[in-house]
Amino acid sequence: MIESNKSEISSAMTANETISQLDSKKLAWTIAEAADDRKAGDLVLLRVAEVSYITDYFIIATGFSTTQVRAIADSVEEKVKKTWQRHPLRVEGKAKATWILQDYGEVIVHILLPQEREFYNLEAFWGHAERIDFQLSNSVRE
C-alpha cells in the first residue's frame, strides 16, 4: 500500500518537483481560486523559488476598491483555513487596504489597488520569475 501511494504521488509530480513543491503549487492554486471568487482582477501567479529564497510563489491580484481588496484577502484566508487548516504567518496592510500582503511561508499574496500595483510594478521587479499560466472560471482575461 505504501508503494502504491508513493507511485501515485510521484506520477502527479513533474520530474523536478518534490512533495513540498507540489503542496506549494496546490496552495498557490487554492489562493488564486479564492481571489478569483471575489472577482480579483489581473491575477498573476509567479514561481519565484528559483530566484528567491524567501518563498516559492507570489500571487499578485488587483482589487478595485479598498472594500474589494479586503474581501479578496478575507476570501483567501477563509479558503486556505478551510482547505489547508492554515492561517497566514503574517498579514500587512489590512487597515488601510491599498496593498494587503499575506505571508503563507511558501506562498506570498499581494492584493493591491490599481494605482498601487502600477506604482510598485511587482511583475517587472520579479520579471525573471516563471509566470504560471492558469485559467479560472470567474476571471475575464484579455
N, C-alpha and C. Protein backbone atom coordinates (compact mmCIF):
# COMPACT_ATOMS: atom_id res chain seq x y z
N MET A 1 0.82 -1.19 0.00
CA MET A 1 0.00 0.00 0.00
C MET A 1 0.87 1.26 0.00
N ILE A 2 1.94 1.25 0.74
CA ILE A 2 2.83 2.40 0.77
C ILE A 2 3.44 2.62 -0.61
N GLU A 3 3.86 1.54 -1.28
CA GLU A 3 4.44 1.67 -2.61
C GLU A 3 3.44 2.25 -3.59
N SER A 4 2.19 1.84 -3.51
CA SER A 4 1.15 2.35 -4.39
C SER A 4 0.98 3.86 -4.22
N ASN A 5 0.91 4.31 -2.96
CA ASN A 5 0.77 5.74 -2.70
C ASN A 5 1.99 6.50 -3.19
N LYS A 6 3.15 5.91 -2.99
CA LYS A 6 4.39 6.56 -3.43
C LYS A 6 4.39 6.75 -4.94
N SER A 7 3.96 5.74 -5.69
CA SER A 7 3.95 5.87 -7.15
C SER A 7 2.88 6.85 -7.62
N GLU A 8 1.74 6.90 -6.93
CA GLU A 8 0.71 7.88 -7.28
C GLU A 8 1.22 9.29 -7.08
N ILE A 9 1.90 9.51 -5.97
CA ILE A 9 2.44 10.84 -5.68
C ILE A 9 3.49 11.21 -6.71
N SER A 10 4.40 10.29 -7.00
CA SER A 10 5.46 10.63 -7.94
C SER A 10 4.92 10.84 -9.35
N SER A 11 3.87 10.12 -9.74
CA SER A 11 3.31 10.34 -11.07
C SER A 11 2.58 11.67 -11.16
N ALA A 12 2.14 12.21 -10.03
CA ALA A 12 1.46 13.51 -10.02
C ALA A 12 2.43 14.67 -10.07
N MET A 13 3.70 14.40 -9.87
CA MET A 13 4.71 15.46 -9.83
C MET A 13 5.49 15.48 -11.14
N THR A 14 5.96 16.64 -11.51
CA THR A 14 6.88 16.70 -12.65
C THR A 14 8.24 16.23 -12.18
N ALA A 15 9.15 16.05 -13.10
CA ALA A 15 10.45 15.49 -12.78
C ALA A 15 11.21 16.29 -11.72
N ASN A 16 11.04 17.60 -11.67
CA ASN A 16 11.81 18.43 -10.76
C ASN A 16 11.07 18.82 -9.48
N GLU A 17 9.85 18.35 -9.30
CA GLU A 17 9.08 18.76 -8.14
C GLU A 17 9.22 17.76 -6.99
N THR A 18 9.30 18.28 -5.79
CA THR A 18 9.25 17.44 -4.60
C THR A 18 7.83 17.51 -4.05
N ILE A 19 7.54 16.71 -3.04
CA ILE A 19 6.22 16.75 -2.41
C ILE A 19 5.96 18.14 -1.85
N SER A 20 6.95 18.74 -1.23
CA SER A 20 6.81 20.09 -0.68
C SER A 20 6.48 21.09 -1.78
N GLN A 21 7.16 21.00 -2.92
CA GLN A 21 6.90 21.91 -4.03
C GLN A 21 5.51 21.70 -4.60
N LEU A 22 5.07 20.45 -4.65
CA LEU A 22 3.72 20.15 -5.14
C LEU A 22 2.69 20.76 -4.20
N ASP A 23 2.90 20.65 -2.89
CA ASP A 23 1.99 21.27 -1.93
C ASP A 23 1.98 22.79 -2.07
N SER A 24 3.14 23.38 -2.29
CA SER A 24 3.22 24.83 -2.51
C SER A 24 2.39 25.24 -3.71
N LYS A 25 2.51 24.46 -4.78
CA LYS A 25 1.77 24.76 -6.00
C LYS A 25 0.26 24.64 -5.76
N LYS A 26 -0.15 23.59 -5.05
CA LYS A 26 -1.57 23.41 -4.74
C LYS A 26 -2.08 24.54 -3.86
N LEU A 27 -1.29 24.95 -2.89
CA LEU A 27 -1.67 26.08 -2.03
C LEU A 27 -1.82 27.35 -2.87
N ALA A 28 -0.89 27.58 -3.78
CA ALA A 28 -0.96 28.76 -4.65
C ALA A 28 -2.24 28.74 -5.49
N TRP A 29 -2.60 27.57 -6.00
CA TRP A 29 -3.84 27.46 -6.78
C TRP A 29 -5.06 27.72 -5.90
N THR A 30 -5.06 27.20 -4.70
CA THR A 30 -6.17 27.45 -3.78
C THR A 30 -6.34 28.95 -3.55
N ILE A 31 -5.24 29.63 -3.35
CA ILE A 31 -5.26 31.08 -3.11
C ILE A 31 -5.76 31.81 -4.36
N ALA A 32 -5.29 31.41 -5.53
CA ALA A 32 -5.74 32.05 -6.77
C ALA A 32 -7.24 31.86 -6.96
N GLU A 33 -7.74 30.67 -6.66
CA GLU A 33 -9.18 30.41 -6.77
C GLU A 33 -9.97 31.29 -5.81
N ALA A 34 -9.48 31.44 -4.59
CA ALA A 34 -10.17 32.28 -3.60
C ALA A 34 -10.21 33.73 -4.06
N ALA A 35 -9.12 34.22 -4.62
CA ALA A 35 -9.08 35.60 -5.13
C ALA A 35 -10.04 35.75 -6.31
N ASP A 36 -10.05 34.75 -7.17
CA ASP A 36 -10.94 34.76 -8.32
C ASP A 36 -12.41 34.76 -7.89
N ASP A 37 -12.71 34.05 -6.81
CA ASP A 37 -14.08 34.01 -6.28
C ASP A 37 -14.59 35.40 -5.92
N ARG A 38 -13.70 36.30 -5.58
CA ARG A 38 -14.07 37.68 -5.21
C ARG A 38 -13.77 38.66 -6.34
N LYS A 39 -13.68 38.09 -7.56
CA LYS A 39 -13.52 38.89 -8.78
C LYS A 39 -12.24 39.73 -8.80
N ALA A 40 -11.17 39.19 -8.26
CA ALA A 40 -9.88 39.88 -8.34
C ALA A 40 -9.50 40.08 -9.80
N GLY A 41 -8.92 41.21 -10.09
CA GLY A 41 -8.51 41.50 -11.45
C GLY A 41 -7.06 41.12 -11.70
N ASP A 42 -6.76 40.81 -12.93
CA ASP A 42 -5.39 40.58 -13.40
C ASP A 42 -4.57 39.71 -12.44
N LEU A 43 -5.09 38.52 -12.18
CA LEU A 43 -4.39 37.57 -11.31
C LEU A 43 -3.12 37.07 -11.98
N VAL A 44 -2.03 37.15 -11.26
CA VAL A 44 -0.74 36.66 -11.76
C VAL A 44 -0.15 35.71 -10.72
N LEU A 45 0.31 34.57 -11.20
CA LEU A 45 0.97 33.58 -10.35
C LEU A 45 2.41 33.45 -10.84
N LEU A 46 3.34 33.78 -9.95
CA LEU A 46 4.77 33.71 -10.28
C LEU A 46 5.45 32.65 -9.43
N ARG A 47 6.21 31.78 -10.09
CA ARG A 47 7.03 30.81 -9.36
C ARG A 47 8.40 31.45 -9.17
N VAL A 48 8.68 31.84 -7.93
CA VAL A 48 9.91 32.57 -7.64
C VAL A 48 10.95 31.71 -6.92
N ALA A 49 10.67 30.44 -6.74
CA ALA A 49 11.56 29.55 -5.98
C ALA A 49 12.98 29.51 -6.55
N GLU A 50 13.11 29.63 -7.85
CA GLU A 50 14.43 29.56 -8.48
C GLU A 50 15.22 30.86 -8.33
N VAL A 51 14.53 31.95 -8.00
CA VAL A 51 15.20 33.26 -7.95
C VAL A 51 15.13 33.92 -6.58
N SER A 52 14.49 33.26 -5.62
CA SER A 52 14.35 33.84 -4.28
C SER A 52 14.35 32.73 -3.24
N TYR A 53 14.98 32.99 -2.14
CA TYR A 53 14.99 32.02 -1.05
C TYR A 53 13.84 32.25 -0.06
N ILE A 54 13.08 33.33 -0.22
CA ILE A 54 12.06 33.66 0.78
C ILE A 54 10.75 32.92 0.60
N THR A 55 10.44 32.48 -0.62
CA THR A 55 9.16 31.82 -0.88
C THR A 55 9.23 31.06 -2.19
N ASP A 56 8.20 30.26 -2.47
CA ASP A 56 8.12 29.53 -3.73
C ASP A 56 7.27 30.25 -4.78
N TYR A 57 6.17 30.86 -4.33
CA TYR A 57 5.23 31.50 -5.25
C TYR A 57 4.80 32.86 -4.75
N PHE A 58 4.54 33.75 -5.69
CA PHE A 58 3.85 35.02 -5.44
C PHE A 58 2.53 34.97 -6.19
N ILE A 59 1.49 35.43 -5.54
CA ILE A 59 0.21 35.67 -6.22
C ILE A 59 0.01 37.18 -6.15
N ILE A 60 -0.25 37.78 -7.28
CA ILE A 60 -0.49 39.22 -7.35
C ILE A 60 -1.89 39.40 -7.94
N ALA A 61 -2.71 40.21 -7.26
CA ALA A 61 -4.09 40.42 -7.70
C ALA A 61 -4.48 41.87 -7.47
N THR A 62 -5.44 42.32 -8.26
CA THR A 62 -5.95 43.68 -8.13
C THR A 62 -7.36 43.66 -7.55
N GLY A 63 -7.59 44.54 -6.59
CA GLY A 63 -8.93 44.85 -6.10
C GLY A 63 -9.22 46.28 -6.50
N PHE A 64 -10.44 46.57 -6.89
CA PHE A 64 -10.75 47.88 -7.46
C PHE A 64 -11.30 48.88 -6.45
N SER A 65 -11.33 48.48 -5.19
CA SER A 65 -11.68 49.39 -4.08
C SER A 65 -11.07 48.79 -2.82
N THR A 66 -10.95 49.60 -1.77
CA THR A 66 -10.41 49.05 -0.52
C THR A 66 -11.32 47.96 0.03
N THR A 67 -12.63 48.10 -0.20
CA THR A 67 -13.57 47.07 0.24
C THR A 67 -13.30 45.76 -0.49
N GLN A 68 -13.08 45.82 -1.79
CA GLN A 68 -12.79 44.60 -2.55
C GLN A 68 -11.44 44.02 -2.17
N VAL A 69 -10.44 44.86 -1.94
CA VAL A 69 -9.12 44.36 -1.53
C VAL A 69 -9.27 43.56 -0.23
N ARG A 70 -10.01 44.10 0.73
CA ARG A 70 -10.25 43.37 1.99
C ARG A 70 -11.04 42.09 1.76
N ALA A 71 -12.06 42.15 0.89
CA ALA A 71 -12.88 40.97 0.61
C ALA A 71 -12.05 39.86 -0.02
N ILE A 72 -11.15 40.21 -0.92
CA ILE A 72 -10.26 39.21 -1.53
C ILE A 72 -9.37 38.59 -0.46
N ALA A 73 -8.79 39.43 0.39
CA ALA A 73 -7.93 38.93 1.47
C ALA A 73 -8.70 38.01 2.41
N ASP A 74 -9.92 38.40 2.76
CA ASP A 74 -10.75 37.56 3.64
C ASP A 74 -11.08 36.23 2.97
N SER A 75 -11.39 36.27 1.67
CA SER A 75 -11.69 35.05 0.93
C SER A 75 -10.50 34.10 0.91
N VAL A 76 -9.31 34.66 0.71
CA VAL A 76 -8.09 33.85 0.72
C VAL A 76 -7.91 33.20 2.09
N GLU A 77 -8.02 33.98 3.15
CA GLU A 77 -7.84 33.44 4.50
C GLU A 77 -8.85 32.34 4.80
N GLU A 78 -10.12 32.56 4.43
CA GLU A 78 -11.17 31.56 4.69
C GLU A 78 -10.93 30.27 3.92
N LYS A 79 -10.60 30.39 2.63
CA LYS A 79 -10.42 29.19 1.81
C LYS A 79 -9.18 28.40 2.23
N VAL A 80 -8.10 29.10 2.55
CA VAL A 80 -6.89 28.40 3.00
C VAL A 80 -7.14 27.73 4.35
N LYS A 81 -7.85 28.40 5.23
CA LYS A 81 -8.16 27.80 6.53
C LYS A 81 -9.02 26.54 6.35
N LYS A 82 -10.03 26.64 5.49
CA LYS A 82 -10.94 25.50 5.26
C LYS A 82 -10.23 24.34 4.55
N THR A 83 -9.46 24.66 3.52
CA THR A 83 -8.84 23.63 2.69
C THR A 83 -7.55 23.07 3.29
N TRP A 84 -6.75 23.93 3.89
CA TRP A 84 -5.41 23.55 4.35
C TRP A 84 -5.25 23.61 5.87
N GLN A 85 -6.27 24.09 6.59
CA GLN A 85 -6.19 24.27 8.05
C GLN A 85 -4.97 25.11 8.43
N ARG A 86 -4.79 26.20 7.68
CA ARG A 86 -3.65 27.08 7.92
C ARG A 86 -4.10 28.53 7.99
N HIS A 87 -3.33 29.30 8.73
CA HIS A 87 -3.51 30.75 8.82
C HIS A 87 -2.25 31.40 8.27
N PRO A 88 -2.36 32.63 7.77
CA PRO A 88 -1.13 33.29 7.31
C PRO A 88 -0.17 33.51 8.47
N LEU A 89 1.12 33.42 8.17
CA LEU A 89 2.14 33.68 9.19
C LEU A 89 2.13 35.15 9.58
N ARG A 90 1.81 35.99 8.60
CA ARG A 90 1.79 37.44 8.82
C ARG A 90 0.88 38.08 7.78
N VAL A 91 0.17 39.12 8.21
CA VAL A 91 -0.67 39.92 7.31
C VAL A 91 -0.30 41.38 7.51
N GLU A 92 -0.08 42.09 6.42
CA GLU A 92 0.25 43.51 6.48
C GLU A 92 -0.73 44.30 5.62
N GLY A 93 -1.07 45.49 6.06
CA GLY A 93 -1.83 46.43 5.24
C GLY A 93 -3.33 46.33 5.28
N LYS A 94 -3.88 45.49 6.15
CA LYS A 94 -5.33 45.28 6.14
C LYS A 94 -6.10 46.53 6.57
N ALA A 95 -5.57 47.32 7.47
CA ALA A 95 -6.28 48.52 7.95
C ALA A 95 -6.47 49.53 6.82
N LYS A 96 -5.42 49.81 6.09
CA LYS A 96 -5.51 50.80 5.00
C LYS A 96 -6.10 50.17 3.73
N ALA A 97 -5.76 48.93 3.47
CA ALA A 97 -6.30 48.13 2.36
C ALA A 97 -6.03 48.70 0.98
N THR A 98 -4.88 49.35 0.81
CA THR A 98 -4.46 49.73 -0.54
C THR A 98 -3.52 48.66 -1.11
N TRP A 99 -2.85 47.95 -0.20
CA TRP A 99 -2.00 46.81 -0.56
C TRP A 99 -1.98 45.89 0.66
N ILE A 100 -2.59 44.73 0.52
CA ILE A 100 -2.57 43.74 1.59
C ILE A 100 -1.60 42.63 1.18
N LEU A 101 -0.71 42.30 2.09
CA LEU A 101 0.24 41.22 1.90
C LEU A 101 -0.10 40.12 2.90
N GLN A 102 -0.23 38.90 2.41
CA GLN A 102 -0.46 37.73 3.26
C GLN A 102 0.70 36.76 3.03
N ASP A 103 1.37 36.40 4.10
CA ASP A 103 2.54 35.52 4.02
C ASP A 103 2.16 34.14 4.53
N TYR A 104 2.11 33.17 3.63
CA TYR A 104 1.85 31.79 4.00
C TYR A 104 3.13 30.95 3.98
N GLY A 105 4.26 31.59 4.04
CA GLY A 105 5.54 30.88 4.00
C GLY A 105 5.95 30.60 2.58
N GLU A 106 5.49 29.51 2.03
CA GLU A 106 5.87 29.14 0.67
C GLU A 106 5.08 29.89 -0.41
N VAL A 107 4.04 30.60 -0.01
CA VAL A 107 3.26 31.43 -0.94
C VAL A 107 3.03 32.79 -0.29
N ILE A 108 3.34 33.85 -1.03
CA ILE A 108 3.08 35.21 -0.56
C ILE A 108 2.07 35.84 -1.50
N VAL A 109 1.04 36.45 -0.91
CA VAL A 109 -0.07 37.02 -1.66
C VAL A 109 0.00 38.54 -1.58
N HIS A 110 -0.10 39.19 -2.73
CA HIS A 110 -0.14 40.65 -2.82
C HIS A 110 -1.48 41.03 -3.44
N ILE A 111 -2.30 41.78 -2.72
CA ILE A 111 -3.58 42.25 -3.24
C ILE A 111 -3.52 43.78 -3.21
N LEU A 112 -3.58 44.39 -4.38
CA LEU A 112 -3.33 45.83 -4.48
C LEU A 112 -4.43 46.56 -5.24
N LEU A 113 -4.60 47.84 -4.90
CA LEU A 113 -5.41 48.73 -5.73
C LEU A 113 -4.66 48.97 -7.04
N PRO A 114 -5.36 49.32 -8.12
CA PRO A 114 -4.68 49.51 -9.41
C PRO A 114 -3.52 50.51 -9.36
N GLN A 115 -3.70 51.63 -8.67
CA GLN A 115 -2.63 52.63 -8.64
C GLN A 115 -1.42 52.13 -7.85
N GLU A 116 -1.63 51.35 -6.82
CA GLU A 116 -0.52 50.76 -6.06
C GLU A 116 0.21 49.73 -6.93
N ARG A 117 -0.56 48.92 -7.62
CA ARG A 117 0.03 47.88 -8.46
C ARG A 117 0.87 48.50 -9.58
N GLU A 118 0.35 49.54 -10.18
CA GLU A 118 1.10 50.21 -11.24
C GLU A 118 2.38 50.86 -10.69
N PHE A 119 2.28 51.50 -9.55
CA PHE A 119 3.43 52.19 -8.97
C PHE A 119 4.54 51.22 -8.57
N TYR A 120 4.18 50.15 -7.86
CA TYR A 120 5.20 49.21 -7.37
C TYR A 120 5.65 48.20 -8.42
N ASN A 121 4.79 47.91 -9.39
CA ASN A 121 5.14 47.08 -10.54
C ASN A 121 5.90 45.81 -10.16
N LEU A 122 5.30 45.02 -9.30
CA LEU A 122 5.95 43.80 -8.80
C LEU A 122 6.27 42.81 -9.92
N GLU A 123 5.43 42.76 -10.94
CA GLU A 123 5.68 41.83 -12.05
C GLU A 123 7.01 42.16 -12.73
N ALA A 124 7.32 43.43 -12.89
CA ALA A 124 8.59 43.82 -13.51
C ALA A 124 9.76 43.52 -12.57
N PHE A 125 9.57 43.81 -11.28
CA PHE A 125 10.62 43.55 -10.31
C PHE A 125 10.98 42.07 -10.27
N TRP A 126 9.96 41.21 -10.37
CA TRP A 126 10.16 39.77 -10.36
C TRP A 126 10.04 39.20 -11.78
N GLY A 127 10.39 39.99 -12.78
CA GLY A 127 10.24 39.60 -14.18
C GLY A 127 11.02 38.37 -14.58
N HIS A 128 12.07 38.05 -13.86
CA HIS A 128 12.88 36.87 -14.16
C HIS A 128 12.28 35.59 -13.56
N ALA A 129 11.18 35.73 -12.82
CA ALA A 129 10.50 34.56 -12.26
C ALA A 129 9.62 33.91 -13.33
N GLU A 130 9.35 32.63 -13.15
CA GLU A 130 8.49 31.90 -14.08
C GLU A 130 7.03 32.30 -13.85
N ARG A 131 6.37 32.72 -14.92
CA ARG A 131 4.95 33.07 -14.85
C ARG A 131 4.15 31.80 -15.13
N ILE A 132 3.26 31.45 -14.21
CA ILE A 132 2.46 30.23 -14.35
C ILE A 132 1.13 30.59 -15.01
N ASP A 133 0.83 29.93 -16.11
CA ASP A 133 -0.44 30.15 -16.79
C ASP A 133 -1.53 29.34 -16.11
N PHE A 134 -2.65 29.99 -15.89
CA PHE A 134 -3.79 29.29 -15.31
C PHE A 134 -5.06 29.98 -15.76
N GLN A 135 -6.13 29.23 -15.81
CA GLN A 135 -7.44 29.77 -16.17
C GLN A 135 -8.40 29.49 -15.02
N LEU A 136 -9.08 30.53 -14.59
CA LEU A 136 -10.07 30.39 -13.54
C LEU A 136 -11.41 30.85 -14.09
N SER A 137 -12.49 30.25 -13.62
CA SER A 137 -13.80 30.43 -14.23
C SER A 137 -14.34 31.85 -14.18
N ASN A 138 -14.16 32.58 -13.10
CA ASN A 138 -14.79 33.89 -12.94
C ASN A 138 -14.03 35.02 -13.59
N SER A 139 -12.79 34.81 -13.94
CA SER A 139 -11.95 35.90 -14.42
C SER A 139 -12.20 36.20 -15.89
N VAL A 140 -12.14 37.46 -16.20
CA VAL A 140 -12.20 37.89 -17.59
C VAL A 140 -10.76 38.18 -18.00
N ARG A 141 -10.27 37.43 -18.95
CA ARG A 141 -8.90 37.60 -19.42
C ARG A 141 -8.92 38.23 -20.80
N GLU A 142 -8.02 39.14 -21.06
CA GLU A 142 -7.94 39.75 -22.39
C GLU A 142 -6.75 39.20 -23.13
